[in-house]
Amino acid sequence: MKSSLSPVLIIAVSFALGGAYVGYKHHSAKPASEAAAATTPKPSPLFEQLLPDAAGIPHKLSQWQGKPLVVNFWATWCAPCVEEMPELSALQAELSTKGAQIIGIGIDTADNIENFAGKYKIAYPLYVAGTNGIELSRQLGNKNGGLPFTVLFDQNGIPVKTYLGRLQMDQLRSDLTKL
């Protein structure tokens, strides 16, 4: 009996040591850079975009990283979009001293946006995305592709809140204050 127990005991101890080693390796702390990379959100794909303004001049949206940003997807044919634009312009005037920025991304033609911008005094940059803007808004959480759609980004380029439909400016101001 003693001789048959010895091989079983050796095998059991071997498995126990092997399991302990695998568990140690699997649950041991990772270097800080790996751990940080795994948990740190990455900036939005929005900042990889190159979009023209109403005059047709292309701009890198990465220029807006480093400060809180309100991105409003809109169209000239969208009544709630047009209604909130004067309020967004007034808010931009307030934000300019606080380091935050509003931009508009038009789901429309360049001509329509240029005519609109000339007719109304919009105090923030307007960019032309055409129908591709709907897909970009979907990537940012606009599942149904409805307008207006607004995304609030923190200074690191991370989306922190989305709004579908006409904005409630008091709520947006409150959310901006938290940043």
Protein backbone atom coordinates (compact mmCIF):
# COMPACT_ATOMS: atom_id res chain seq x y z
CA MET A 1 0.00 0.00 0.00
CA LYS A 2 2.86 2.32 0.79
CA SER A 3 4.33 1.88 -2.67
CA SER A 4 1.04 2.64 -4.51
CA LEU A 5 0.39 5.81 -2.47
CA SER A 6 3.75 7.36 -3.28
CA PRO A 7 3.20 7.85 -7.05
CA VAL A 8 -0.30 9.29 -6.43
CA LEU A 9 1.06 11.68 -3.84
CA ILE A 10 3.85 12.80 -6.16
CA ILE A 11 1.35 13.42 -8.99
CA ALA A 12 -1.02 15.32 -6.66
CA VAL A 13 1.78 17.54 -5.32
CA SER A 14 2.98 18.17 -8.89
CA PHE A 15 -0.50 19.28 -9.99
CA ALA A 16 -0.90 21.47 -6.92
CA LEU A 17 2.43 23.21 -7.54
CA GLY A 18 1.64 23.62 -11.25
CA GLY A 19 -1.78 25.11 -10.44
CA ALA A 20 -0.26 27.48 -7.90
CA TYR A 21 2.30 28.64 -10.44
CA VAL A 22 -0.32 29.24 -13.18
CA GLY A 23 -2.56 31.08 -10.71
CA TYR A 24 0.33 33.25 -9.56
CA LYS A 25 1.26 34.17 -13.14
CA HIS A 26 -2.35 34.84 -14.14
CA HIS A 27 -3.18 37.03 -11.15
CA SER A 28 0.13 38.80 -10.62
CA ALA A 29 0.27 42.57 -11.05
CA LYS A 30 1.01 43.87 -14.52
CA PRO A 31 3.45 46.71 -15.13
CA ALA A 32 1.80 50.13 -14.78
CA SER A 33 1.91 50.91 -18.49
CA GLU A 34 0.00 47.75 -19.42
CA ALA A 35 -2.57 48.22 -16.66
CA ALA A 36 -3.09 51.88 -17.55
CA ALA A 37 -3.46 51.14 -21.25
CA ALA A 38 -6.07 48.49 -20.50
CA THR A 39 -8.25 50.80 -18.38
CA THR A 40 -7.66 54.26 -19.89
CA PRO A 41 -10.34 55.15 -22.45
CA LYS A 42 -9.06 56.25 -25.82
CA PRO A 43 -10.09 59.52 -27.49
CA SER A 44 -13.03 59.31 -29.84
CA PRO A 45 -12.69 58.59 -33.58
CA LEU A 46 -14.22 62.04 -34.03
CA PHE A 47 -10.77 63.54 -33.56
CA GLU A 48 -9.42 61.58 -36.52
CA GLN A 49 -11.80 63.38 -38.90
CA LEU A 50 -10.84 65.97 -41.48
CA LEU A 51 -13.95 68.00 -42.38
CA PRO A 52 -14.42 71.10 -44.52
CA ASP A 53 -15.96 74.25 -43.12
CA ALA A 54 -18.78 76.09 -44.92
CA ALA A 55 -16.22 77.72 -47.24
CA GLY A 56 -14.76 74.32 -48.21
CA ILE A 57 -11.52 74.64 -46.22
CA PRO A 58 -10.63 71.31 -44.56
CA HIS A 59 -9.95 71.24 -40.82
CA LYS A 60 -8.60 68.53 -38.52
CA LEU A 61 -11.01 68.02 -35.66
CA SER A 62 -8.04 66.99 -33.52
CA GLN A 63 -7.44 70.74 -33.05
CA TRP A 64 -10.26 70.69 -30.49
CA GLN A 65 -8.70 68.12 -28.17
CA GLY A 66 -7.43 69.34 -24.83
CA LYS A 67 -10.56 71.25 -23.82
CA PRO A 68 -14.18 70.37 -23.09
CA LEU A 69 -16.05 70.15 -26.39
CA VAL A 70 -19.72 70.19 -27.38
CA VAL A 71 -20.30 68.61 -30.80
CA ASN A 72 -23.73 69.32 -32.27
CA PHE A 73 -24.90 67.27 -35.28
CA TRP A 74 -27.52 69.26 -37.16
CA ALA A 75 -29.08 70.05 -40.55
CA THR A 76 -30.60 73.15 -42.13
CA TRP A 77 -33.85 71.24 -42.77
CA CYS A 78 -34.14 70.15 -39.09
CA ALA A 79 -36.40 72.63 -37.25
CA PRO A 80 -35.26 71.74 -33.69
CA CYS A 81 -31.63 71.99 -34.86
CA VAL A 82 -32.15 75.49 -36.22
CA GLU A 83 -34.11 76.54 -33.10
CA GLU A 84 -31.27 75.63 -30.72
CA MET A 85 -28.48 77.27 -32.74
CA PRO A 86 -28.96 80.83 -31.38
CA GLU A 87 -28.83 79.39 -27.84
CA LEU A 88 -25.67 77.44 -28.71
CA SER A 89 -24.15 80.66 -30.09
CA ALA A 90 -24.95 82.46 -26.84
CA LEU A 91 -23.48 79.56 -24.87
CA GLN A 92 -20.30 79.68 -26.98
CA ALA A 93 -19.86 83.34 -26.00
CA GLU A 94 -20.01 82.26 -22.33
CA LEU A 95 -17.67 79.30 -22.86
CA SER A 96 -14.95 81.21 -24.70
CA THR A 97 -13.61 82.57 -21.39
CA LYS A 98 -13.82 79.13 -19.76
CA GLY A 99 -11.78 77.22 -22.33
CA ALA A 100 -14.62 75.09 -23.73
CA GLN A 101 -15.74 74.98 -27.34
CA ILE A 102 -18.85 74.20 -29.40
CA ILE A 103 -18.68 72.95 -32.98
CA GLY A 104 -21.47 72.07 -35.38
CA ILE A 105 -21.31 69.19 -37.84
CA GLY A 106 -23.82 69.67 -40.62
CA ILE A 107 -25.63 66.74 -42.17
CA ASP A 108 -26.28 68.75 -45.30
CA THR A 109 -24.67 70.09 -48.46
CA ALA A 110 -21.85 72.61 -48.35
CA ASP A 111 -24.01 75.16 -50.23
CA ASN A 112 -26.89 74.87 -47.76
CA ILE A 113 -24.56 75.22 -44.77
CA GLU A 114 -22.72 78.16 -46.33
CA ASN A 115 -26.02 79.96 -47.08
CA PHE A 116 -27.27 79.21 -43.58
CA ALA A 117 -24.06 80.45 -41.95
CA GLY A 118 -24.25 83.66 -43.99
CA LYS A 119 -27.88 84.27 -43.03
CA TYR A 120 -27.54 83.54 -39.29
CA LYS A 121 -24.66 84.71 -37.15
CA ILE A 122 -23.37 81.47 -35.65
CA ALA A 123 -20.62 82.05 -33.06
CA TYR A 124 -18.96 78.65 -33.37
CA PRO A 125 -17.34 76.70 -36.23
CA LEU A 126 -19.59 74.77 -38.60
CA TYR A 127 -18.28 71.78 -40.55
CA VAL A 128 -19.80 69.93 -43.47
CA ALA A 129 -20.13 66.16 -43.15
CA GLY A 130 -22.99 65.52 -45.58
CA THR A 131 -24.74 62.20 -45.13
CA ASN A 132 -21.50 60.68 -43.76
CA GLY A 133 -22.17 62.71 -40.62
CA ILE A 134 -25.05 60.38 -39.71
CA GLU A 135 -22.63 57.43 -39.62
CA LEU A 136 -20.19 59.45 -37.51
CA SER A 137 -22.99 60.34 -35.08
CA ARG A 138 -23.93 56.65 -34.87
CA GLN A 139 -20.33 55.81 -33.92
CA LEU A 140 -20.76 58.28 -31.06
CA GLY A 141 -23.98 56.70 -29.76
CA ASN A 142 -26.78 57.99 -32.00
CA LYS A 143 -28.29 54.56 -32.67
CA ASN A 144 -31.28 55.81 -34.68
CA GLY A 145 -29.49 58.58 -36.55
CA GLY A 146 -31.89 61.27 -35.28
CA LEU A 147 -31.19 65.01 -35.23
CA PRO A 148 -30.23 67.11 -33.46
CA PHE A 149 -27.69 64.93 -31.70
CA THR A 150 -25.09 66.40 -29.37
CA VAL A 151 -22.06 64.86 -27.69
CA LEU A 152 -20.19 66.34 -24.73
CA PHE A 153 -16.48 65.46 -24.60
CA ASP A 154 -14.11 66.01 -21.71
CA GLN A 155 -10.70 67.64 -22.15
CA ASN A 156 -9.17 64.23 -22.91
CA GLY A 157 -11.40 63.67 -25.94
CA ILE A 158 -13.59 61.11 -24.16
CA PRO A 159 -17.36 61.34 -24.73
CA VAL A 160 -19.05 61.80 -21.36
CA LYS A 161 -22.68 62.42 -22.32
CA THR A 162 -24.97 62.41 -25.36
CA TYR A 163 -28.21 64.27 -26.00
CA LEU A 164 -30.80 63.33 -28.63
CA GLY A 165 -33.31 65.99 -29.62
CA ARG A 166 -33.48 69.67 -28.84
CA LEU A 167 -31.02 70.59 -26.13
CA GLN A 168 -32.06 71.77 -22.69
CA MET A 169 -29.43 74.49 -22.24
CA ASP A 170 -29.63 74.46 -18.43
CA GLN A 171 -28.81 70.75 -18.42
CA LEU A 172 -25.91 71.25 -20.88
CA ARG A 173 -24.54 74.13 -18.77
CA SER A 174 -24.74 71.96 -15.66
CA ASP A 175 -22.96 69.08 -17.40
CA LEU A 176 -20.25 71.45 -18.67
CA THR A 177 -19.72 72.82 -15.17
CA LYS A 178 -18.93 69.29 -13.94
CA LEU A 179 -16.02 69.14 -16.38
